[in-house]
Protein backbone atom coordinates (compact mmCIF):
# COMPACT_ATOMS: atom_id res chain seq x y z
CA MET A 1 0.46 -0.04 0.01
CA LYS A 2 3.09 2.78 0.38
CA LYS A 3 3.33 5.04 -2.56
CA ASN A 4 5.83 7.34 -3.12
CA ILE A 5 4.16 11.12 -2.39
CA ALA A 6 7.57 12.82 -2.10
CA LYS A 7 6.43 14.43 -5.03
CA ASN A 8 4.12 16.65 -2.41
CA GLU A 9 6.61 17.38 -0.43
CA ASP A 10 7.70 20.58 -0.49
CA ARG A 11 4.10 21.69 -2.17
CA TYR A 12 3.69 24.18 0.75
CA SER A 13 6.97 25.47 1.54
CA PRO A 14 5.91 28.80 -0.27
CA VAL A 15 3.24 29.48 2.46
CA LEU A 16 5.31 28.47 5.37
CA ALA A 17 8.45 31.23 4.09
CA ASP A 18 6.10 33.82 4.08
CA PHE A 19 3.98 32.78 7.46
CA ASP A 20 5.95 34.87 10.11
CA LYS A 21 6.10 37.75 7.55
CA TRP A 22 2.14 37.35 7.63
CA MET A 23 1.48 36.69 11.20
CA ASP A 24 2.72 40.05 11.69
CA LYS A 25 -0.16 41.54 10.41
CA PRO A 26 -2.80 41.25 13.64
CA ALA A 27 -5.84 40.50 11.39
CA VAL A 28 -4.17 37.38 10.37
CA ARG A 29 -2.73 36.61 13.34
CA LYS A 30 -6.70 36.76 15.10
CA ALA A 31 -7.52 34.46 11.96
CA TYR A 32 -5.01 31.66 12.32
CA GLU A 33 -5.64 31.81 15.86
CA GLU A 34 -9.45 31.25 15.52
CA ARG A 35 -8.38 28.35 13.01
CA GLU A 36 -5.55 27.45 14.78
CA PRO A 37 -7.06 23.67 16.50
CA ALA A 38 -9.05 22.83 13.01
CA TYR A 39 -5.16 23.30 11.54
CA ALA A 40 -3.94 20.54 14.13
CA VAL A 41 -6.04 18.38 13.30
CA LEU A 42 -5.08 18.92 9.79
CA ASP A 43 -1.53 18.77 10.02
CA ALA A 44 -1.42 15.51 13.09
CA CYS A 45 -2.94 14.01 10.07
CA LEU A 46 -1.17 14.11 7.08
CA ALA A 47 1.74 13.50 9.18
CA ALA A 48 0.33 10.31 9.87
CA ARG A 49 -1.06 9.23 6.21
CA LYS A 50 3.23 10.27 5.24
CA ARG A 51 4.15 7.86 7.99
CA ALA A 52 2.38 5.32 6.55
CA GLY A 53 3.20 5.50 2.88
CA MET A 54 -0.48 6.23 1.93
CA THR A 55 -2.54 8.23 -0.78
CA GLN A 56 -6.24 9.85 0.30
CA ALA A 57 -7.22 7.28 -1.62
CA ASP A 58 -5.28 4.42 0.45
CA VAL A 59 -6.94 6.09 3.53
CA ALA A 60 -10.18 6.63 1.81
CA HIS A 61 -9.84 2.21 0.99
CA ALA A 62 -9.15 1.06 4.62
CA MET A 63 -11.30 3.39 6.28
CA GLY A 64 -14.27 2.14 3.55
CA THR A 65 -15.14 5.98 2.08
CA SER A 66 -14.35 8.24 -1.40
CA ARG A 67 -11.11 9.97 -1.40
CA PRO A 68 -13.23 12.67 -1.42
CA ALA A 69 -13.95 12.76 2.15
CA VAL A 70 -10.91 12.21 3.08
CA ALA A 71 -10.01 15.52 1.38
CA ARG A 72 -12.27 16.69 3.25
CA ILE A 73 -11.72 15.56 6.37
CA GLU A 74 -7.64 16.60 6.01
CA SER A 75 -9.06 20.07 4.76
CA ALA A 76 -9.67 21.98 7.99
CA ARG A 77 -11.73 24.28 6.49
CA PRO A 78 -14.48 25.58 9.12
CA THR A 79 -17.17 24.11 6.97
CA HIS A 80 -16.44 21.11 7.75
CA ALA A 81 -15.37 19.45 11.25
CA PRO A 82 -14.65 15.86 11.51
CA SER A 83 -16.04 13.50 14.33
CA ILE A 84 -14.06 12.03 17.07
CA VAL A 85 -15.68 9.51 15.55
CA THR A 86 -14.00 9.66 11.94
CA LEU A 87 -10.60 11.22 13.30
CA GLN A 88 -10.90 7.45 14.70
CA ARG A 89 -11.18 6.21 12.15
CA TYR A 90 -8.85 7.76 10.18
CA ALA A 91 -5.93 7.02 12.81
CA ALA A 92 -6.74 3.31 12.59
CA ALA A 93 -6.29 3.56 9.05
CA VAL A 94 -2.73 5.24 9.13
CA GLY A 95 -2.05 2.81 11.74
CA CYS A 96 -2.84 5.01 14.65
CA ARG A 97 -4.44 5.45 17.53
CA LEU A 98 -6.07 9.24 18.37
CA ARG A 99 -5.54 11.27 21.35
CA ILE A 100 -6.99 14.40 22.74
CA GLU A 101 -5.29 16.63 24.76
CA MET A 102 -6.45 20.22 26.68
CA GLU A 103 -3.93 22.11 27.96
CA PRO A 104 -4.91 25.33 30.40
CA VAL A 105 -4.73 28.51 28.92
CA ARG A 106 -2.66 31.55 29.69
CA ARG A 107 -4.42 33.73 31.06
CA ALA A 108 -3.29 37.93 32.11
CA SER A 109 -2.69 38.51 35.23
CA ARG A 110 -6.08 38.40 37.46
CA ARG A 111 -6.79 41.40 39.52
CA HIS A 112 -8.81 39.60 41.63
CA SER A 113 -8.76 35.94 43.39
CA PRO A 114 -10.75 33.41 42.56
CA VAL A 115 -13.70 33.11 44.95
CA PRO A 116 -13.64 30.05 47.26
CA ALA A 117 -16.64 27.75 47.55
């Protein structure tokens, strides 16, 4: 099932080269930060598929779905958010397991201490 997908390896290089410049723009930074969880899912999916040496068609076959459905999972578009079950199926198809983490958000300094219970 392994295929040579190296031809797409540099596909995002022009975008990455300008990333820091774009992040200097407050509106771009805000929009990116709002979509950051979706981009993290996208990055994880693409990295896992690449490690598995699989194409979207390979993943679709392993999941029992279509290649366009896999493309939607990998799109990070705001109009499509895959369910946890779908992400578990994707992970299994590429030889992984899904793990979800929550991390504390750093907040600006608190002026008031929390109200005791």
